[in-house]
C-alpha atoms as a PDB file:
ATOM      1  CA  MET A   1     -14.972  -4.359  -5.396  1.00  0.00           C
ATOM      2  CA  LEU A   2     -15.903  -1.153  -5.427  1.00  0.00           C
ATOM      3  CA  TYR A   3     -15.117   2.428  -6.582  1.00  0.00           C
ATOM      4  CA  GLY A   4     -14.113   4.829  -3.995  1.00  0.00           C
ATOM      5  CA  GLY A   5     -13.755   7.620  -6.607  1.00  0.00           C
ATOM      6  CA  ASP A   6     -10.510   9.648  -7.640  1.00  0.00           C
ATOM      7  CA  GLU A   7      -9.298   9.780  -3.699  1.00  0.00           C
ATOM      8  CA  GLY A   8      -9.749   5.696  -3.425  1.00  0.00           C
ATOM      9  CA  GLY A   9      -9.686   4.239  -6.619  1.00  0.00           C
ATOM     10  CA  ILE A  10     -10.579   0.705  -6.920  1.00  0.00           C
ATOM     11  CA  MET A  11     -11.762  -0.916  -3.161  1.00  0.00           C
ATOM     12  CA  CYS A  12     -11.449  -4.614  -2.101  1.00  0.00           C
ATOM     13  CA  ASP A  13     -13.546  -6.386   0.540  1.00  0.00           C
ATOM     14  CA  VAL A  14     -10.782  -7.755   2.659  1.00  0.00           C
ATOM     15  CA  THR A  15     -12.778  -8.445   5.509  1.00  0.00           C
ATOM     16  CA  PRO A  16     -11.811 -11.987   7.438  1.00  0.00           C
ATOM     17  CA  SER A  17     -15.107 -13.259   7.705  1.00  0.00           C
ATOM     18  CA  ALA A  18     -18.969 -12.955   7.004  1.00  0.00           C
ATOM     19  CA  GLU A  19     -19.498 -13.496  10.485  1.00  0.00           C
ATOM     20  CA  SER A  20     -17.436 -10.461  10.713  1.00  0.00           C
ATOM     21  CA  LYS A  21     -19.275  -7.161  12.478  1.00  0.00           C
ATOM     22  CA  GLU A  22     -16.754  -4.473  10.632  1.00  0.00           C
ATOM     23  CA  VAL A  23     -15.870  -4.510   6.871  1.00  0.00           C
ATOM     24  CA  VAL A  24     -12.416  -3.877   6.424  1.00  0.00           C
ATOM     25  CA  VAL A  25     -12.138  -2.330   2.973  1.00  0.00           C
ATOM     26  CA  CYS A  26      -8.804  -1.136   1.316  1.00  0.00           C
ATOM     27  CA  SER A  27      -7.512   0.582  -1.667  1.00  0.00           C
ATOM     28  CA  LEU A  28      -6.372  -2.367  -4.415  1.00  0.00           C
ATOM     29  CA  THR A  29      -3.583   0.143  -4.270  1.00  0.00           C
ATOM     30  CA  HIS A  30      -2.442  -0.929  -0.948  1.00  0.00           C
ATOM     31  CA  LEU A  31      -2.522  -4.866  -1.424  1.00  0.00           C
ATOM     32  CA  ARG A  32       0.137  -7.344  -2.334  1.00  0.00           C
ATOM     33  CA  ILE A  33      -0.875  -9.390  -4.668  1.00  0.00           C
ATOM     34  CA  HIS A  34       0.258 -13.357  -4.590  1.00  0.00           C
ATOM     35  CA  PRO A  35       2.671 -13.725  -7.780  1.00  0.00           C
ATOM     36  CA  LYS A  36       0.910 -16.829  -9.067  1.00  0.00           C
ATOM     37  CA  HIS A  37      -2.869 -15.227  -9.128  1.00  0.00           C
ATOM     38  CA  PRO A  38      -4.203 -15.025 -12.613  1.00  0.00           C
ATOM     39  CA  LEU A  39      -4.397 -11.763 -12.989  1.00  0.00           C
ATOM     40  CA  VAL A  40      -1.185 -10.003 -11.093  1.00  0.00           C
ATOM     41  CA  GLY A  41      -0.242  -8.220 -13.807  1.00  0.00           C
ATOM     42  CA  GLU A  42      -3.538  -6.307 -14.734  1.00  0.00           C
ATOM     43  CA  ILE A  43      -3.366  -5.192 -10.926  1.00  0.00           C
ATOM     44  CA  ARG A  44       0.323  -4.377 -11.054  1.00  0.00           C
ATOM     45  CA  ALA A  45      -0.107  -2.277 -14.382  1.00  0.00           C
ATOM     46  CA  TYR A  46      -3.331  -0.877 -12.281  1.00  0.00           C
ATOM     47  CA  GLN A  47      -1.229  -0.631  -8.574  1.00  0.00           C
ATOM     48  CA  GLU A  48       2.005   1.055 -10.546  1.00  0.00           C
ATOM     49  CA  THR A  49      -0.459   3.732 -12.576  1.00  0.00           C
ATOM     50  CA  ARG A  50      -2.427   4.725  -9.467  1.00  0.00           C
ATOM     51  CA  ALA A  51       0.727   4.947  -7.179  1.00  0.00           C
ATOM     52  CA  ARG A  52       2.161   7.356  -9.846  1.00  0.00           C
ATOM     53  CA  ARG A  53      -0.662   9.355 -10.247  1.00  0.00           C
ATOM     54  CA  LEU A  54      -1.394   9.917  -6.378  1.00  0.00           C
ATOM     55  CA  ALA A  55       2.355  10.822  -6.636  1.00  0.00           C
ATOM     56  CA  LEU A  56       2.024  13.629  -9.035  1.00  0.00           C
ATOM     57  CA  ALA A  57      -0.834  14.702  -6.967  1.00  0.00           C
ATOM     58  CA  GLY A  58       0.548  14.881  -3.824  1.00  0.00           C
ATOM     59  CA  GLY A  59      -2.132  12.210  -2.815  1.00  0.00           C
ATOM     60  CA  ARG A  60      -2.587   9.188  -0.917  1.00  0.00           C
ATOM     61  CA  ALA A  61      -5.113   6.366  -0.241  1.00  0.00           C
ATOM     62  CA  GLY A  62      -5.977   5.335   2.737  1.00  0.00           C
ATOM     63  CA  ILE A  63      -7.446   2.270   4.803  1.00  0.00           C
ATOM     64  CA  THR A  64     -11.295   2.379   6.469  1.00  0.00           C
ATOM     65  CA  THR A  65     -13.262   0.086   8.082  1.00  0.00           C
ATOM     66  CA  ILE A  66     -16.932   0.301   8.172  1.00  0.00           C
ATOM     67  CA  GLU A  67     -19.896  -1.525  10.061  1.00  0.00           C
ATOM     68  CA  ARG A  68     -21.662  -3.969   9.074  1.00  0.00           C
ATOM     69  CA  ASN A  69     -25.136  -4.807   9.336  1.00  0.00           C
ATOM     70  CA  LYS A  70     -27.185  -7.539   8.703  1.00  0.00           C
ATOM     71  CA  ASP A  71     -28.664  -6.153   5.232  1.00  0.00           C
ATOM     72  CA  ASN A  72     -25.030  -5.596   3.866  1.00  0.00           C
ATOM     73  CA  ARG A  73     -23.245  -9.151   3.628  1.00  0.00           C
END
């Protein structure tokens, strides 16, 4: 996990495979978490709090891709 500051919040690498040429990073705010995940309660609490703060601030988090190089696996 990464921290994307106030704009991105907690970011997660959701790249499908290690061989991918691009890395997919998504704000935890936008992920759907399986109900049986061991951290589902904590994650949903974070998502609700973050969504509320973003709505009050008029902002939104997004999804981006970055190119993966040999040193960044």
